[in-house]
């Protein structure tokens, strides 16, 4: 079985490529710049292609049995406009199984996937634990995290756990027509995550909650683009209660409980040390 992984150099994609490689499957990794430094395991076939330009994907899909497809791109998670065309190309190429990183609700891509006849599964992580790596530099320099909406709780999931699910579904199937919402075992506030990082590093690290205005000024001083600032404030101000709901989907697929944030922090402690 040859499996194509889109987003192969991203947060999740790297783990999916590595784990598929360990299972003995032939892995094809899609990247816009195969000549760049992408640091993928030996034996992975790296191919050029751009999800925004479906005409570049024909060779990447040739001979592929299963595909992991990103459902959105960019920091603001813009839905993949070419998604329906890519799904159609996958069908024509003989692809049988498809995982989509998408909540699978509404939109042209979701409709195309449902109507494709493929053995499809939508996989949606509530939030990657690795998103807190955005704190790494400020923790190393000042031992303090400053953010708005400090009472928000998210049931963040280890990206390696998400890759476990993607890999299992791609390689073995069994979850056709399902939407798997993946979480960690607990919902934590930013302050609780900071405390876990402090415990993992053996350092004193504080958390200060900001108002919207304070956050905007801080991010402007750090050089954030205005649309990025507004996106983050809008997103955090409208976080639904559902992101704090812990699901059993990971354990259903893998047979083991998901990793805790404390375990993730211990494994990545060096990123937060000076």
Protein backbone atom coordinates (compact mmCIF):
# COMPACT_ATOMS: atom_id res chain seq x y z
CA UNK A 1 0.00 0.00 0.00
CA UNK A 2 1.30 3.46 -0.95
CA UNK A 3 -0.04 6.23 1.28
CA UNK A 4 0.11 9.92 0.36
CA UNK A 5 0.43 12.38 3.24
CA UNK A 6 -0.35 16.03 2.55
CA UNK A 7 0.96 18.60 4.99
CA UNK A 8 3.83 16.15 5.45
CA UNK A 9 6.24 18.70 6.92
CA UNK A 10 3.73 20.21 9.36
CA UNK A 11 3.03 19.64 13.04
CA UNK A 12 0.88 16.56 12.46
CA UNK A 13 2.16 15.45 9.07
CA UNK A 14 5.69 14.72 10.27
CA UNK A 15 4.36 12.35 12.90
CA UNK A 16 2.04 10.63 10.42
CA UNK A 17 4.91 10.10 7.97
CA UNK A 18 7.20 8.72 10.66
CA UNK A 19 4.61 6.37 12.12
CA UNK A 20 3.48 5.05 8.74
CA UNK A 21 7.09 4.41 7.85
CA UNK A 22 7.52 2.30 10.98
CA UNK A 23 4.54 0.15 10.00
CA UNK A 24 6.26 -0.85 6.75
CA UNK A 25 3.99 1.02 4.35
CA UNK A 26 5.34 2.96 1.40
CA UNK A 27 4.94 6.62 2.28
CA UNK A 28 4.74 9.46 -0.20
CA UNK A 29 5.12 12.94 1.32
CA UNK A 30 3.69 15.96 -0.46
CA UNK A 31 5.51 19.27 -0.15
CA UNK A 32 5.59 22.50 -2.15
CA UNK A 33 9.39 22.54 -2.06
CA UNK A 34 10.94 19.06 -2.16
CA UNK A 35 14.39 20.57 -2.65
CA UNK A 36 14.27 22.35 0.71
CA UNK A 37 15.32 21.07 4.11
CA UNK A 38 12.35 18.94 5.14
CA UNK A 39 14.02 16.40 7.46
CA UNK A 40 11.78 13.41 6.78
CA UNK A 41 12.85 9.82 7.50
CA UNK A 42 14.91 7.83 5.03
CA UNK A 43 12.82 5.79 2.64
CA UNK A 44 10.04 8.36 2.35
CA UNK A 45 9.25 9.34 -1.23
CA UNK A 46 9.08 13.14 -1.34
CA UNK A 47 7.00 14.61 -4.17
CA UNK A 48 6.24 18.16 -5.25
CA UNK A 49 2.71 19.48 -5.18
CA UNK A 50 0.54 22.31 -3.93
CA UNK A 51 -2.98 21.75 -2.56
CA UNK A 52 -3.91 25.21 -3.79
CA UNK A 53 -3.06 24.10 -7.35
CA UNK A 54 -4.70 20.72 -7.96
CA UNK A 55 -3.11 20.45 -11.41
CA UNK A 56 0.21 19.78 -9.62
CA UNK A 57 -1.10 16.68 -7.81
CA UNK A 58 -1.62 14.12 -10.59
CA UNK A 59 1.81 12.52 -10.20
CA UNK A 60 1.53 12.50 -6.40
CA UNK A 61 -1.77 10.58 -6.58
CA UNK A 62 -0.59 8.04 -9.12
CA UNK A 63 -0.60 4.54 -7.64
CA UNK A 64 -1.77 5.68 -4.22
CA UNK A 65 -4.21 3.56 -2.18
CA UNK A 66 -4.84 5.95 0.72
CA UNK A 67 -4.50 9.69 1.32
CA UNK A 68 -4.31 11.93 4.36
CA UNK A 69 -5.73 15.29 3.27
CA UNK A 70 -5.59 18.67 4.99
CA UNK A 71 -9.00 20.29 5.09
CA UNK A 72 -7.72 23.83 5.68
CA UNK A 73 -4.56 25.88 5.35
CA UNK A 74 -2.93 28.92 6.97
CA UNK A 75 -2.90 30.25 10.53
CA UNK A 76 -6.60 31.13 10.19
CA UNK A 77 -7.55 27.64 8.97
CA UNK A 78 -8.99 28.81 5.66
CA UNK A 79 -11.03 25.94 4.16
CA UNK A 80 -9.24 24.19 1.30
CA UNK A 81 -10.90 25.77 -1.74
CA UNK A 82 -9.68 23.06 -4.10
CA UNK A 83 -10.80 20.27 -1.79
CA UNK A 84 -13.67 18.95 -3.93
CA UNK A 85 -11.45 18.85 -7.03
CA UNK A 86 -8.72 17.01 -5.12
CA UNK A 87 -11.23 14.44 -3.85
CA UNK A 88 -12.44 13.90 -7.41
CA UNK A 89 -8.85 13.43 -8.60
CA UNK A 90 -8.25 10.91 -5.82
CA UNK A 91 -11.26 8.88 -6.94
CA UNK A 92 -10.08 8.94 -10.56
CA UNK A 93 -6.59 7.86 -9.46
CA UNK A 94 -7.96 4.78 -7.73
CA UNK A 95 -7.57 5.90 -4.12
CA UNK A 96 -9.69 3.76 -1.81
CA UNK A 97 -9.28 5.26 1.64
CA UNK A 98 -9.17 8.88 2.81
CA UNK A 99 -8.59 10.63 6.12
CA UNK A 100 -9.38 14.34 6.21
CA UNK A 101 -8.17 16.73 8.89
CA UNK A 102 -11.51 18.45 9.19
CA UNK A 103 -14.52 18.57 11.53
CA UNK A 104 -16.46 17.14 8.59
CA UNK A 105 -19.50 19.38 9.05
CA UNK A 106 -20.78 21.57 6.25
CA UNK A 107 -18.86 23.08 3.39
CA UNK A 108 -18.05 21.92 -0.11
CA UNK A 109 -15.20 19.63 0.95
CA UNK A 110 -17.35 17.74 3.45
CA UNK A 111 -20.05 17.26 0.81
CA UNK A 112 -17.52 16.08 -1.78
CA UNK A 113 -16.06 13.59 0.69
CA UNK A 114 -19.47 12.18 1.60
CA UNK A 115 -20.43 11.77 -2.05
CA UNK A 116 -17.07 10.39 -3.21
CA UNK A 117 -17.68 6.70 -2.60
CA UNK A 118 -14.32 6.55 -0.81
CA UNK A 119 -13.78 4.91 2.57
CA UNK A 120 -13.48 8.24 4.36
CA UNK A 121 -12.92 9.33 7.95
CA UNK A 122 -12.84 12.92 9.20
CA UNK A 123 -10.41 13.46 12.07
CA UNK A 124 -10.56 16.62 14.15
CA UNK A 125 -8.23 17.40 17.08
CA UNK A 126 -9.74 19.96 19.44
CA UNK A 127 -6.33 21.62 19.91
CA UNK A 128 -2.73 20.45 19.57
CA UNK A 129 -0.70 20.47 22.77
CA UNK A 130 2.21 21.67 20.65
CA UNK A 131 0.45 25.01 20.14
CA UNK A 132 1.96 26.07 23.48
CA UNK A 133 5.39 25.98 21.84
CA UNK A 134 4.40 29.51 20.90
CA UNK A 135 5.20 30.32 24.52
CA UNK A 136 8.69 28.81 24.38
CA UNK A 137 10.67 31.94 23.58
CA UNK A 138 8.93 34.15 26.12
CA UNK A 139 9.24 31.49 28.82
CA UNK A 140 12.94 31.09 28.10
CA UNK A 141 13.47 34.85 28.32
CA UNK A 142 11.04 36.05 31.00
CA UNK A 143 9.52 33.02 32.77
CA UNK A 144 6.05 34.50 32.30
CA UNK A 145 3.18 33.90 29.88
CA UNK A 146 0.84 36.84 29.25
CA UNK A 147 -2.42 36.13 27.39
CA UNK A 148 -6.09 37.14 27.37
CA UNK A 149 -9.04 34.88 28.24
CA UNK A 150 -7.20 32.98 30.93
CA UNK A 151 -10.31 31.06 32.03
CA UNK A 152 -10.76 29.21 28.75
CA UNK A 153 -10.41 25.44 29.02
CA UNK A 154 -9.37 23.20 26.16
CA UNK A 155 -9.03 19.43 26.05
CA UNK A 156 -5.80 19.64 24.04
CA UNK A 157 -4.40 16.48 22.46
CA UNK A 158 -0.82 15.37 21.85
CA UNK A 159 -0.11 15.67 18.12
CA UNK A 160 1.60 12.27 18.24
CA UNK A 161 -1.67 10.78 19.51
CA UNK A 162 -3.55 12.33 16.60
CA UNK A 163 -0.98 10.78 14.28
CA UNK A 164 -1.60 7.41 15.95
CA UNK A 165 -5.26 7.65 14.96
CA UNK A 166 -4.56 8.86 11.41
CA UNK A 167 -2.01 6.10 10.90
CA UNK A 168 -4.31 3.39 12.24
CA UNK A 169 -7.23 4.48 10.08
CA UNK A 170 -5.13 4.86 6.93
CA UNK A 171 -3.40 1.51 7.36
CA UNK A 172 -6.24 -0.60 8.72
CA UNK A 173 -9.50 1.20 7.99
CA UNK A 174 -12.54 0.38 10.08
CA UNK A 175 -13.92 3.88 10.68
CA UNK A 176 -15.54 4.64 7.35
CA UNK A 177 -18.07 7.44 7.42
CA UNK A 178 -17.04 8.49 10.93
CA UNK A 179 -16.10 11.86 12.36
CA UNK A 180 -13.56 11.33 15.13
CA UNK A 181 -13.12 14.29 17.49
CA UNK A 182 -9.85 13.80 19.36
CA UNK A 183 -8.95 15.23 22.75
CA UNK A 184 -6.54 14.63 25.57
CA UNK A 185 -7.76 13.17 28.87
CA UNK A 186 -8.45 16.52 30.56
CA UNK A 187 -9.44 20.13 29.87
CA UNK A 188 -6.95 22.70 31.17
CA UNK A 189 -6.71 26.48 31.39
CA UNK A 190 -3.61 28.31 30.11
CA UNK A 191 -2.47 28.79 33.72
CA UNK A 192 -2.72 25.06 34.38
CA UNK A 193 -0.67 24.34 31.27
CA UNK A 194 1.95 26.84 32.39
CA UNK A 195 2.08 25.12 35.78
CA UNK A 196 2.67 21.77 34.06
CA UNK A 197 5.52 23.26 32.01
CA UNK A 198 7.01 24.73 35.20
CA UNK A 199 6.89 21.31 36.86
CA UNK A 200 8.47 19.66 33.82
CA UNK A 201 11.32 22.17 33.62
CA UNK A 202 11.87 22.70 37.32
CA UNK A 203 11.49 26.44 36.85
CA UNK A 204 9.16 29.09 38.30
CA UNK A 205 6.90 30.27 35.45
CA UNK A 206 4.00 32.65 35.93
CA UNK A 207 0.78 33.37 34.04
CA UNK A 208 -0.76 36.85 33.72
CA UNK A 209 -4.18 37.39 32.16
CA UNK A 210 -4.43 40.36 29.78
CA UNK A 211 -7.34 42.46 28.62
CA UNK A 212 -8.04 42.60 24.88
CA UNK A 213 -6.36 45.99 24.68
CA UNK A 214 -3.27 44.83 26.54
CA UNK A 215 -3.01 41.75 24.34
CA UNK A 216 -3.39 43.79 21.18
CA UNK A 217 -0.63 46.20 22.20
CA UNK A 218 1.67 43.36 23.22
CA UNK A 219 1.20 41.50 19.95
CA UNK A 220 1.62 44.66 17.90
CA UNK A 221 4.92 45.27 19.67
CA UNK A 222 5.95 41.71 18.82
CA UNK A 223 5.26 42.37 15.13
CA UNK A 224 2.08 40.33 14.68
CA UNK A 225 0.02 41.18 11.57
CA UNK A 226 -3.21 43.00 12.36
CA UNK A 227 -5.39 40.32 10.80
CA UNK A 228 -3.61 37.68 12.90
CA UNK A 229 -4.23 39.69 16.08
CA UNK A 230 -7.92 40.13 15.31
CA UNK A 231 -8.27 36.46 14.40
CA UNK A 232 -6.78 35.32 17.72
CA UNK A 233 -8.85 37.71 19.83
CA UNK A 234 -12.03 36.77 17.99
CA UNK A 235 -11.26 33.06 18.26
CA UNK A 236 -10.51 33.15 21.98
CA UNK A 237 -13.51 35.38 22.75
CA UNK A 238 -15.84 32.88 21.08
CA UNK A 239 -14.35 29.58 22.23
CA UNK A 240 -17.31 27.18 22.52
CA UNK A 241 -17.82 25.10 25.66
CA UNK A 242 -17.45 21.98 23.51
CA UNK A 243 -13.65 22.40 23.31
CA UNK A 244 -13.51 21.45 26.99
CA UNK A 245 -15.42 18.22 26.42
CA UNK A 246 -13.21 15.15 26.65
CA UNK A 247 -14.03 12.43 24.11
CA UNK A 248 -13.25 8.71 24.04
CA UNK A 249 -12.45 8.56 20.32
CA UNK A 250 -8.69 8.16 20.77
CA UNK A 251 -9.00 5.23 23.13
CA UNK A 252 -11.64 3.66 20.89
CA UNK A 253 -9.22 3.59 17.96
CA UNK A 254 -5.95 2.83 19.74
CA UNK A 255 -7.01 0.86 22.81
CA UNK A 256 -5.05 3.08 25.20
CA UNK A 257 -5.72 6.38 26.99
CA UNK A 258 -4.40 9.58 25.43
CA UNK A 259 -1.25 11.20 26.81
CA UNK A 260 -1.68 13.91 29.42
CA UNK A 261 -0.41 17.44 29.01
CA UNK A 262 2.06 16.77 31.83
CA UNK A 263 3.51 13.90 29.79
CA UNK A 264 3.75 16.13 26.71
CA UNK A 265 5.43 18.88 28.75
CA UNK A 266 7.98 16.44 30.18
CA UNK A 267 8.83 15.21 26.68
CA UNK A 268 9.29 18.78 25.40
CA UNK A 269 10.77 20.42 28.50
CA UNK A 270 14.01 21.42 26.77
CA UNK A 271 12.09 23.75 24.44
CA UNK A 272 11.20 25.93 27.46
CA UNK A 273 14.61 25.98 29.14
CA UNK A 274 17.07 28.86 28.59
